ModelCIF file with pLDDT and N, C-alpha, C, O atoms, coordinates in Angstrom:
data_MODEL
#
_entry.id   MODEL 
#
_entity.id                         1 
_entity.type                       polymer 
_entity.pdbx_number_of_molecules   1 
#
_entity_poly.entity_id                      1 
_entity_poly.type                           'polypeptide(L)' 
_entity_poly.nstd_linkage                   no 
_entity_poly.nstd_monomer                   no 
_entity_poly.pdbx_seq_one_letter_code       RLAIREKDWENPMTLAVAGTKTSPLSNKIWNNYAVQLAGAG 
_entity_poly.pdbx_seq_one_letter_code_can   RLAIREKDWENPMTLAVAGTKTSPLSNKIWNNYAVQLAGAG 
_entity_poly.pdbx_strand_id                 A 
#
loop_
_entity_poly_seq.entity_id 
_entity_poly_seq.num 
_entity_poly_seq.mon_id 
_entity_poly_seq.hetero 
1 1  ARG n 
1 2  LEU n 
1 3  ALA n 
1 4  ILE n 
1 5  ARG n 
1 6  GLU n 
1 7  LYS n 
1 8  ASP n 
1 9  TRP n 
1 10 GLU n 
1 11 ASN n 
1 12 PRO n 
1 13 MET n 
1 14 THR n 
1 15 LEU n 
1 16 ALA n 
1 17 VAL n 
1 18 ALA n 
1 19 GLY n 
1 20 THR n 
1 21 LYS n 
1 22 THR n 
1 23 SER n 
1 24 PRO n 
1 25 LEU n 
1 26 SER n 
1 27 ASN n 
1 28 LYS n 
1 29 ILE n 
1 30 TRP n 
1 31 ASN n 
1 32 ASN n 
1 33 TYR n 
1 34 ALA n 
1 35 VAL n 
1 36 GLN n 
1 37 LEU n 
1 38 ALA n 
1 39 GLY n 
1 40 ALA n 
1 41 GLY n 
#
_struct_asym.id          A 
_struct_asym.entity_id   1 
#
loop_
_ma_qa_metric.id 
_ma_qa_metric.mode 
_ma_qa_metric.name 
_ma_qa_metric.software_group_id 
_ma_qa_metric.type 
1 global pLDDT . pLDDT 
2 local  pLDDT . pLDDT 
#
_ma_qa_metric_global.metric_id      1 
_ma_qa_metric_global.metric_value   83.80 
_ma_qa_metric_global.model_id       1 
_ma_qa_metric_global.ordinal_id     1 
#
loop_
_ma_qa_metric_local.label_asym_id 
_ma_qa_metric_local.label_comp_id 
_ma_qa_metric_local.label_seq_id 
_ma_qa_metric_local.metric_id 
_ma_qa_metric_local.metric_value 
_ma_qa_metric_local.model_id 
_ma_qa_metric_local.ordinal_id 
A ARG 1  2 69.00 1 1  
A LEU 2  2 64.00 1 2  
A ALA 3  2 64.00 1 3  
A ILE 4  2 63.00 1 4  
A ARG 5  2 62.00 1 5  
A GLU 6  2 65.00 1 6  
A LYS 7  2 72.00 1 7  
A ASP 8  2 60.00 1 8  
A TRP 9  2 56.00 1 9  
A GLU 10 2 71.00 1 10 
A ASN 11 2 77.00 1 11 
A PRO 12 2 78.00 1 12 
A MET 13 2 78.00 1 13 
A THR 14 2 84.00 1 14 
A LEU 15 2 76.00 1 15 
A ALA 16 2 86.00 1 16 
A VAL 17 2 77.00 1 17 
A ALA 18 2 88.00 1 18 
A GLY 19 2 86.00 1 19 
A THR 20 2 89.00 1 20 
A LYS 21 2 87.00 1 21 
A THR 22 2 86.00 1 22 
A SER 23 2 87.00 1 23 
A PRO 24 2 90.00 1 24 
A LEU 25 2 92.00 1 25 
A SER 26 2 94.00 1 26 
A ASN 27 2 95.00 1 27 
A LYS 28 2 96.00 1 28 
A ILE 29 2 95.00 1 29 
A TRP 30 2 97.00 1 30 
A ASN 31 2 96.00 1 31 
A ASN 32 2 95.00 1 32 
A TYR 33 2 95.00 1 33 
A ALA 34 2 97.00 1 34 
A VAL 35 2 96.00 1 35 
A GLN 36 2 94.00 1 36 
A LEU 37 2 96.00 1 37 
A ALA 38 2 97.00 1 38 
A GLY 39 2 95.00 1 39 
A ALA 40 2 95.00 1 40 
A GLY 41 2 96.00 1 41 
#
loop_
_atom_site.group_PDB 
_atom_site.id 
_atom_site.type_symbol 
_atom_site.label_atom_id 
_atom_site.label_alt_id 
_atom_site.label_comp_id 
_atom_site.label_asym_id 
_atom_site.label_entity_id 
_atom_site.label_seq_id 
_atom_site.pdbx_PDB_ins_code 
_atom_site.Cartn_x 
_atom_site.Cartn_y 
_atom_site.Cartn_z 
_atom_site.occupancy 
_atom_site.B_iso_or_equiv 
_atom_site.pdbx_formal_charge 
_atom_site.auth_seq_id 
_atom_site.auth_comp_id 
_atom_site.auth_asym_id 
_atom_site.auth_atom_id 
_atom_site.pdbx_PDB_model_num 
ATOM 1   N N  . ARG A 1 1  ? 17.264 -212.015 10.168 1.00 69.00 ? 1  ARG A N  1 
ATOM 2   C CA . ARG A 1 1  ? 18.225 -212.683 11.057 1.00 69.00 ? 1  ARG A CA 1 
ATOM 3   C C  . ARG A 1 1  ? 17.566 -213.832 11.810 1.00 69.00 ? 1  ARG A C  1 
ATOM 4   O O  . ARG A 1 1  ? 18.146 -214.910 11.940 1.00 69.00 ? 1  ARG A O  1 
ATOM 5   N N  . LEU A 1 2  ? 16.352 -213.598 12.304 1.00 64.00 ? 2  LEU A N  1 
ATOM 6   C CA . LEU A 1 2  ? 15.630 -214.665 12.996 1.00 64.00 ? 2  LEU A CA 1 
ATOM 7   C C  . LEU A 1 2  ? 15.354 -215.843 12.067 1.00 64.00 ? 2  LEU A C  1 
ATOM 8   O O  . LEU A 1 2  ? 15.479 -216.999 12.472 1.00 64.00 ? 2  LEU A O  1 
ATOM 9   N N  . ALA A 1 3  ? 14.982 -215.554 10.837 1.00 64.00 ? 3  ALA A N  1 
ATOM 10  C CA . ALA A 1 3  ? 14.695 -216.621 9.872  1.00 64.00 ? 3  ALA A CA 1 
ATOM 11  C C  . ALA A 1 3  ? 15.955 -217.435 9.570  1.00 64.00 ? 3  ALA A C  1 
ATOM 12  O O  . ALA A 1 3  ? 15.899 -218.659 9.461  1.00 64.00 ? 3  ALA A O  1 
ATOM 13  N N  . ILE A 1 4  ? 17.079 -216.751 9.439  1.00 63.00 ? 4  ILE A N  1 
ATOM 14  C CA . ILE A 1 4  ? 18.346 -217.441 9.150  1.00 63.00 ? 4  ILE A CA 1 
ATOM 15  C C  . ILE A 1 4  ? 18.781 -218.296 10.336 1.00 63.00 ? 4  ILE A C  1 
ATOM 16  O O  . ILE A 1 4  ? 19.272 -219.409 10.150 1.00 63.00 ? 4  ILE A O  1 
ATOM 17  N N  . ARG A 1 5  ? 18.607 -217.788 11.546 1.00 62.00 ? 5  ARG A N  1 
ATOM 18  C CA . ARG A 1 5  ? 19.075 -218.478 12.755 1.00 62.00 ? 5  ARG A CA 1 
ATOM 19  C C  . ARG A 1 5  ? 18.054 -219.454 13.336 1.00 62.00 ? 5  ARG A C  1 
ATOM 20  O O  . ARG A 1 5  ? 18.315 -220.071 14.368 1.00 62.00 ? 5  ARG A O  1 
ATOM 21  N N  . GLU A 1 6  ? 16.902 -219.603 12.692 1.00 65.00 ? 6  GLU A N  1 
ATOM 22  C CA . GLU A 1 6  ? 15.855 -220.475 13.219 1.00 65.00 ? 6  GLU A CA 1 
ATOM 23  C C  . GLU A 1 6  ? 16.357 -221.902 13.430 1.00 65.00 ? 6  GLU A C  1 
ATOM 24  O O  . GLU A 1 6  ? 15.992 -222.540 14.418 1.00 65.00 ? 6  GLU A O  1 
ATOM 25  N N  . LYS A 1 7  ? 17.174 -222.407 12.533 1.00 72.00 ? 7  LYS A N  1 
ATOM 26  C CA . LYS A 1 7  ? 17.714 -223.769 12.644 1.00 72.00 ? 7  LYS A CA 1 
ATOM 27  C C  . LYS A 1 7  ? 18.528 -223.954 13.921 1.00 72.00 ? 7  LYS A C  1 
ATOM 28  O O  . LYS A 1 7  ? 18.590 -225.057 14.465 1.00 72.00 ? 7  LYS A O  1 
ATOM 29  N N  . ASP A 1 8  ? 19.156 -222.872 14.404 1.00 60.00 ? 8  ASP A N  1 
ATOM 30  C CA . ASP A 1 8  ? 19.957 -222.968 15.629 1.00 60.00 ? 8  ASP A CA 1 
ATOM 31  C C  . ASP A 1 8  ? 19.100 -223.350 16.833 1.00 60.00 ? 8  ASP A C  1 
ATOM 32  O O  . ASP A 1 8  ? 19.620 -223.873 17.819 1.00 60.00 ? 8  ASP A O  1 
ATOM 33  N N  . TRP A 1 9  ? 17.808 -223.098 16.768 1.00 56.00 ? 9  TRP A N  1 
ATOM 34  C CA . TRP A 1 9  ? 16.922 -223.311 17.909 1.00 56.00 ? 9  TRP A CA 1 
ATOM 35  C C  . TRP A 1 9  ? 16.115 -224.594 17.796 1.00 56.00 ? 9  TRP A C  1 
ATOM 36  O O  . TRP A 1 9  ? 15.157 -224.784 18.546 1.00 56.00 ? 9  TRP A O  1 
ATOM 37  N N  . GLU A 1 10 ? 16.485 -225.487 16.864 1.00 71.00 ? 10 GLU A N  1 
ATOM 38  C CA . GLU A 1 10 ? 15.727 -226.722 16.683 1.00 71.00 ? 10 GLU A CA 1 
ATOM 39  C C  . GLU A 1 10 ? 15.735 -227.605 17.919 1.00 71.00 ? 10 GLU A C  1 
ATOM 40  O O  . GLU A 1 10 ? 14.703 -228.154 18.303 1.00 71.00 ? 10 GLU A O  1 
ATOM 41  N N  . ASN A 1 11 ? 16.897 -227.742 18.541 1.00 77.00 ? 11 ASN A N  1 
ATOM 42  C CA . ASN A 1 11 ? 17.021 -228.595 19.724 1.00 77.00 ? 11 ASN A CA 1 
ATOM 43  C C  . ASN A 1 11 ? 18.241 -228.135 20.516 1.00 77.00 ? 11 ASN A C  1 
ATOM 44  O O  . ASN A 1 11 ? 19.008 -227.301 20.035 1.00 77.00 ? 11 ASN A O  1 
ATOM 45  N N  . PRO A 1 12 ? 18.428 -228.660 21.709 1.00 78.00 ? 12 PRO A N  1 
ATOM 46  C CA . PRO A 1 12 ? 19.566 -228.208 22.525 1.00 78.00 ? 12 PRO A CA 1 
ATOM 47  C C  . PRO A 1 12 ? 20.933 -228.415 21.865 1.00 78.00 ? 12 PRO A C  1 
ATOM 48  O O  . PRO A 1 12 ? 21.846 -227.617 22.079 1.00 78.00 ? 12 PRO A O  1 
ATOM 49  N N  . MET A 1 13 ? 21.083 -229.471 21.069 1.00 78.00 ? 13 MET A N  1 
ATOM 50  C CA . MET A 1 13 ? 22.385 -229.713 20.420 1.00 78.00 ? 13 MET A CA 1 
ATOM 51  C C  . MET A 1 13 ? 22.672 -228.659 19.361 1.00 78.00 ? 13 MET A C  1 
ATOM 52  O O  . MET A 1 13 ? 23.785 -228.137 19.307 1.00 78.00 ? 13 MET A O  1 
ATOM 53  N N  . THR A 1 14 ? 21.695 -228.334 18.517 1.00 84.00 ? 14 THR A N  1 
ATOM 54  C CA . THR A 1 14 ? 21.945 -227.312 17.488 1.00 84.00 ? 14 THR A CA 1 
ATOM 55  C C  . THR A 1 14 ? 22.208 -225.961 18.132 1.00 84.00 ? 14 THR A C  1 
ATOM 56  O O  . THR A 1 14 ? 23.006 -225.171 17.628 1.00 84.00 ? 14 THR A O  1 
ATOM 57  N N  . LEU A 1 15 ? 21.540 -225.697 19.242 1.00 76.00 ? 15 LEU A N  1 
ATOM 58  C CA . LEU A 1 15 ? 21.778 -224.453 19.962 1.00 76.00 ? 15 LEU A CA 1 
ATOM 59  C C  . LEU A 1 15 ? 23.194 -224.422 20.546 1.00 76.00 ? 15 LEU A C  1 
ATOM 60  O O  . LEU A 1 15 ? 23.866 -223.392 20.499 1.00 76.00 ? 15 LEU A O  1 
ATOM 61  N N  . ALA A 1 16 ? 23.641 -225.551 21.092 1.00 86.00 ? 16 ALA A N  1 
ATOM 62  C CA . ALA A 1 16 ? 24.993 -225.622 21.656 1.00 86.00 ? 16 ALA A CA 1 
ATOM 63  C C  . ALA A 1 16 ? 26.056 -225.462 20.569 1.00 86.00 ? 16 ALA A C  1 
ATOM 64  O O  . ALA A 1 16 ? 27.051 -224.766 20.769 1.00 86.00 ? 16 ALA A O  1 
ATOM 65  N N  . VAL A 1 17 ? 25.847 -226.104 19.426 1.00 77.00 ? 17 VAL A N  1 
ATOM 66  C CA . VAL A 1 17 ? 26.797 -225.975 18.316 1.00 77.00 ? 17 VAL A CA 1 
ATOM 67  C C  . VAL A 1 17 ? 26.857 -224.527 17.844 1.00 77.00 ? 17 VAL A C  1 
ATOM 68  O O  . VAL A 1 17 ? 27.941 -223.987 17.623 1.00 77.00 ? 17 VAL A O  1 
ATOM 69  N N  . ALA A 1 18 ? 25.701 -223.905 17.690 1.00 88.00 ? 18 ALA A N  1 
ATOM 70  C CA . ALA A 1 18 ? 25.661 -222.499 17.270 1.00 88.00 ? 18 ALA A CA 1 
ATOM 71  C C  . ALA A 1 18 ? 26.358 -221.615 18.293 1.00 88.00 ? 18 ALA A C  1 
ATOM 72  O O  . ALA A 1 18 ? 27.036 -220.654 17.931 1.00 88.00 ? 18 ALA A O  1 
ATOM 73  N N  . GLY A 1 19 ? 26.192 -221.940 19.561 1.00 86.00 ? 19 GLY A N  1 
ATOM 74  C CA . GLY A 1 19 ? 26.843 -221.163 20.617 1.00 86.00 ? 19 GLY A CA 1 
ATOM 75  C C  . GLY A 1 19 ? 28.351 -221.198 20.511 1.00 86.00 ? 19 GLY A C  1 
ATOM 76  O O  . GLY A 1 19 ? 29.010 -220.178 20.715 1.00 86.00 ? 19 GLY A O  1 
ATOM 77  N N  . THR A 1 20 ? 28.914 -222.365 20.192 1.00 89.00 ? 20 THR A N  1 
ATOM 78  C CA . THR A 1 20 ? 30.375 -222.456 20.069 1.00 89.00 ? 20 THR A CA 1 
ATOM 79  C C  . THR A 1 20 ? 30.885 -221.640 18.888 1.00 89.00 ? 20 THR A C  1 
ATOM 80  O O  . THR A 1 20 ? 32.033 -221.196 18.881 1.00 89.00 ? 20 THR A O  1 
ATOM 81  N N  . LYS A 1 21 ? 30.028 -221.446 17.891 1.00 87.00 ? 21 LYS A N  1 
ATOM 82  C CA . LYS A 1 21 ? 30.430 -220.640 16.732 1.00 87.00 ? 21 LYS A CA 1 
ATOM 83  C C  . LYS A 1 21 ? 30.297 -219.146 17.004 1.00 87.00 ? 21 LYS A C  1 
ATOM 84  O O  . LYS A 1 21 ? 31.136 -218.353 16.577 1.00 87.00 ? 21 LYS A O  1 
ATOM 85  N N  . THR A 1 22 ? 29.238 -218.766 17.715 1.00 86.00 ? 22 THR A N  1 
ATOM 86  C CA . THR A 1 22 ? 29.002 -217.340 17.945 1.00 86.00 ? 22 THR A CA 1 
ATOM 87  C C  . THR A 1 22 ? 29.753 -216.804 19.163 1.00 86.00 ? 22 THR A C  1 
ATOM 88  O O  . THR A 1 22 ? 30.045 -215.611 19.238 1.00 86.00 ? 22 THR A O  1 
ATOM 89  N N  . SER A 1 23 ? 30.065 -217.691 20.120 1.00 87.00 ? 23 SER A N  1 
ATOM 90  C CA . SER A 1 23 ? 30.798 -217.270 21.330 1.00 87.00 ? 23 SER A CA 1 
ATOM 91  C C  . SER A 1 23 ? 31.918 -218.272 21.614 1.00 87.00 ? 23 SER A C  1 
ATOM 92  O O  . SER A 1 23 ? 31.884 -218.964 22.631 1.00 87.00 ? 23 SER A O  1 
ATOM 93  N N  . PRO A 1 24 ? 32.900 -218.353 20.732 1.00 90.00 ? 24 PRO A N  1 
ATOM 94  C CA . PRO A 1 24 ? 33.937 -219.382 20.890 1.00 90.00 ? 24 PRO A CA 1 
ATOM 95  C C  . PRO A 1 24 ? 34.853 -219.193 22.095 1.00 90.00 ? 24 PRO A C  1 
ATOM 96  O O  . PRO A 1 24 ? 35.628 -220.092 22.420 1.00 90.00 ? 24 PRO A O  1 
ATOM 97  N N  . LEU A 1 25 ? 34.782 -218.053 22.757 1.00 92.00 ? 25 LEU A N  1 
ATOM 98  C CA . LEU A 1 25 ? 35.635 -217.822 23.924 1.00 92.00 ? 25 LEU A CA 1 
ATOM 99  C C  . LEU A 1 25 ? 34.854 -217.863 25.240 1.00 92.00 ? 25 LEU A C  1 
ATOM 100 O O  . LEU A 1 25 ? 35.299 -217.322 26.252 1.00 92.00 ? 25 LEU A O  1 
ATOM 101 N N  . SER A 1 26 ? 33.693 -218.507 25.215 1.00 94.00 ? 26 SER A N  1 
ATOM 102 C CA . SER A 1 26 ? 32.882 -218.639 26.421 1.00 94.00 ? 26 SER A CA 1 
ATOM 103 C C  . SER A 1 26 ? 33.035 -220.043 26.991 1.00 94.00 ? 26 SER A C  1 
ATOM 104 O O  . SER A 1 26 ? 32.644 -221.022 26.355 1.00 94.00 ? 26 SER A O  1 
ATOM 105 N N  . ASN A 1 27 ? 33.602 -220.142 28.186 1.00 95.00 ? 27 ASN A N  1 
ATOM 106 C CA . ASN A 1 27 ? 33.759 -221.465 28.793 1.00 95.00 ? 27 ASN A CA 1 
ATOM 107 C C  . ASN A 1 27 ? 32.399 -222.086 29.092 1.00 95.00 ? 27 ASN A C  1 
ATOM 108 O O  . ASN A 1 27 ? 32.257 -223.307 29.028 1.00 95.00 ? 27 ASN A O  1 
ATOM 109 N N  . LYS A 1 28 ? 31.409 -221.279 29.415 1.00 96.00 ? 28 LYS A N  1 
ATOM 110 C CA . LYS A 1 28 ? 30.078 -221.813 29.723 1.00 96.00 ? 28 LYS A CA 1 
ATOM 111 C C  . LYS A 1 28 ? 29.426 -222.411 28.477 1.00 96.00 ? 28 LYS A C  1 
ATOM 112 O O  . LYS A 1 28 ? 28.744 -223.433 28.559 1.00 96.00 ? 28 LYS A O  1 
ATOM 113 N N  . ILE A 1 29 ? 29.633 -221.780 27.342 1.00 95.00 ? 29 ILE A N  1 
ATOM 114 C CA . ILE A 1 29 ? 29.088 -222.313 26.085 1.00 95.00 ? 29 ILE A CA 1 
ATOM 115 C C  . ILE A 1 29 ? 29.728 -223.665 25.781 1.00 95.00 ? 29 ILE A C  1 
ATOM 116 O O  . ILE A 1 29 ? 29.028 -224.609 25.414 1.00 95.00 ? 29 ILE A O  1 
ATOM 117 N N  . TRP A 1 30 ? 31.046 -223.769 25.929 1.00 97.00 ? 30 TRP A N  1 
ATOM 118 C CA . TRP A 1 30 ? 31.742 -225.030 25.656 1.00 97.00 ? 30 TRP A CA 1 
ATOM 119 C C  . TRP A 1 30 ? 31.315 -226.117 26.638 1.00 97.00 ? 30 TRP A C  1 
ATOM 120 O O  . TRP A 1 30 ? 31.187 -227.281 26.257 1.00 97.00 ? 30 TRP A O  1 
ATOM 121 N N  . ASN A 1 31 ? 31.092 -225.745 27.901 1.00 96.00 ? 31 ASN A N  1 
ATOM 122 C CA . ASN A 1 31 ? 30.629 -226.734 28.875 1.00 96.00 ? 31 ASN A CA 1 
ATOM 123 C C  . ASN A 1 31 ? 29.228 -227.219 28.510 1.00 96.00 ? 31 ASN A C  1 
ATOM 124 O O  . ASN A 1 31 ? 28.937 -228.412 28.600 1.00 96.00 ? 31 ASN A O  1 
ATOM 125 N N  . ASN A 1 32 ? 28.361 -226.293 28.098 1.00 95.00 ? 32 ASN A N  1 
ATOM 126 C CA . ASN A 1 32 ? 27.019 -226.687 27.669 1.00 95.00 ? 32 ASN A CA 1 
ATOM 127 C C  . ASN A 1 32 ? 27.092 -227.622 26.465 1.00 95.00 ? 32 ASN A C  1 
ATOM 128 O O  . ASN A 1 32 ? 26.359 -228.608 26.394 1.00 95.00 ? 32 ASN A O  1 
ATOM 129 N N  . TYR A 1 33 ? 27.958 -227.316 25.542 1.00 95.00 ? 33 TYR A N  1 
ATOM 130 C CA . TYR A 1 33 ? 28.157 -228.180 24.376 1.00 95.00 ? 33 TYR A CA 1 
ATOM 131 C C  . TYR A 1 33 ? 28.607 -229.569 24.829 1.00 95.00 ? 33 TYR A C  1 
ATOM 132 O O  . TYR A 1 33 ? 28.146 -230.578 24.294 1.00 95.00 ? 33 TYR A O  1 
ATOM 133 N N  . ALA A 1 34 ? 29.503 -229.621 25.810 1.00 97.00 ? 34 ALA A N  1 
ATOM 134 C CA . ALA A 1 34 ? 29.968 -230.905 26.344 1.00 97.00 ? 34 ALA A CA 1 
ATOM 135 C C  . ALA A 1 34 ? 28.810 -231.711 26.927 1.00 97.00 ? 34 ALA A C  1 
ATOM 136 O O  . ALA A 1 34 ? 28.719 -232.920 26.710 1.00 97.00 ? 34 ALA A O  1 
ATOM 137 N N  . VAL A 1 35 ? 27.940 -231.049 27.657 1.00 96.00 ? 35 VAL A N  1 
ATOM 138 C CA . VAL A 1 35 ? 26.785 -231.728 28.251 1.00 96.00 ? 35 VAL A CA 1 
ATOM 139 C C  . VAL A 1 35 ? 25.894 -232.318 27.158 1.00 96.00 ? 35 VAL A C  1 
ATOM 140 O O  . VAL A 1 35 ? 25.404 -233.441 27.284 1.00 96.00 ? 35 VAL A O  1 
ATOM 141 N N  . GLN A 1 36 ? 25.691 -231.556 26.093 1.00 94.00 ? 36 GLN A N  1 
ATOM 142 C CA . GLN A 1 36 ? 24.873 -232.058 24.983 1.00 94.00 ? 36 GLN A CA 1 
ATOM 143 C C  . GLN A 1 36 ? 25.547 -233.251 24.303 1.00 94.00 ? 36 GLN A C  1 
ATOM 144 O O  . GLN A 1 36 ? 24.888 -234.236 23.970 1.00 94.00 ? 36 GLN A O  1 
ATOM 145 N N  . LEU A 1 37 ? 26.856 -233.156 24.102 1.00 96.00 ? 37 LEU A N  1 
ATOM 146 C CA . LEU A 1 37 ? 27.591 -234.269 23.494 1.00 96.00 ? 37 LEU A CA 1 
ATOM 147 C C  . LEU A 1 37 ? 27.499 -235.522 24.356 1.00 96.00 ? 37 LEU A C  1 
ATOM 148 O O  . LEU A 1 37 ? 27.252 -236.614 23.844 1.00 96.00 ? 37 LEU A O  1 
ATOM 149 N N  . ALA A 1 38 ? 27.695 -235.367 25.650 1.00 97.00 ? 38 ALA A N  1 
ATOM 150 C CA . ALA A 1 38 ? 27.623 -236.510 26.561 1.00 97.00 ? 38 ALA A CA 1 
ATOM 151 C C  . ALA A 1 38 ? 26.228 -237.124 26.542 1.00 97.00 ? 38 ALA A C  1 
ATOM 152 O O  . ALA A 1 38 ? 26.079 -238.346 26.556 1.00 97.00 ? 38 ALA A O  1 
ATOM 153 N N  . GLY A 1 39 ? 25.212 -236.272 26.510 1.00 95.00 ? 39 GLY A N  1 
ATOM 154 C CA . GLY A 1 39 ? 23.839 -236.766 26.446 1.00 95.00 ? 39 GLY A CA 1 
ATOM 155 C C  . GLY A 1 39 ? 23.554 -237.565 25.184 1.00 95.00 ? 39 GLY A C  1 
ATOM 156 O O  . GLY A 1 39 ? 22.689 -238.441 25.169 1.00 95.00 ? 39 GLY A O  1 
ATOM 157 N N  . ALA A 1 40 ? 24.289 -237.253 24.131 1.00 95.00 ? 40 ALA A N  1 
ATOM 158 C CA . ALA A 1 40 ? 24.136 -237.977 22.866 1.00 95.00 ? 40 ALA A CA 1 
ATOM 159 C C  . ALA A 1 40 ? 25.059 -239.194 22.795 1.00 95.00 ? 40 ALA A C  1 
ATOM 160 O O  . ALA A 1 40 ? 25.110 -239.883 21.777 1.00 95.00 ? 40 ALA A O  1 
ATOM 161 N N  . GLY A 1 41 ? 25.787 -239.452 23.883 1.00 96.00 ? 41 GLY A N  1 
ATOM 162 C CA . GLY A 1 41 ? 26.664 -240.621 23.916 1.00 96.00 ? 41 GLY A CA 1 
ATOM 163 C C  . GLY A 1 41 ? 28.057 -240.390 23.366 1.00 96.00 ? 41 GLY A C  1 
ATOM 164 O O  . GLY A 1 41 ? 28.874 -241.310 23.348 1.00 96.00 ? 41 GLY A O  1 
#
């Protein structure tokens, strides 16, 4: 499982994207994803 999910931990954006997939009903995960998106312009 760790080997498969290693890509999720490459950077904050991949972690945020993975979070929206694994916890799609978490407002905090979506807000974190928004912060990463904004940081990327």
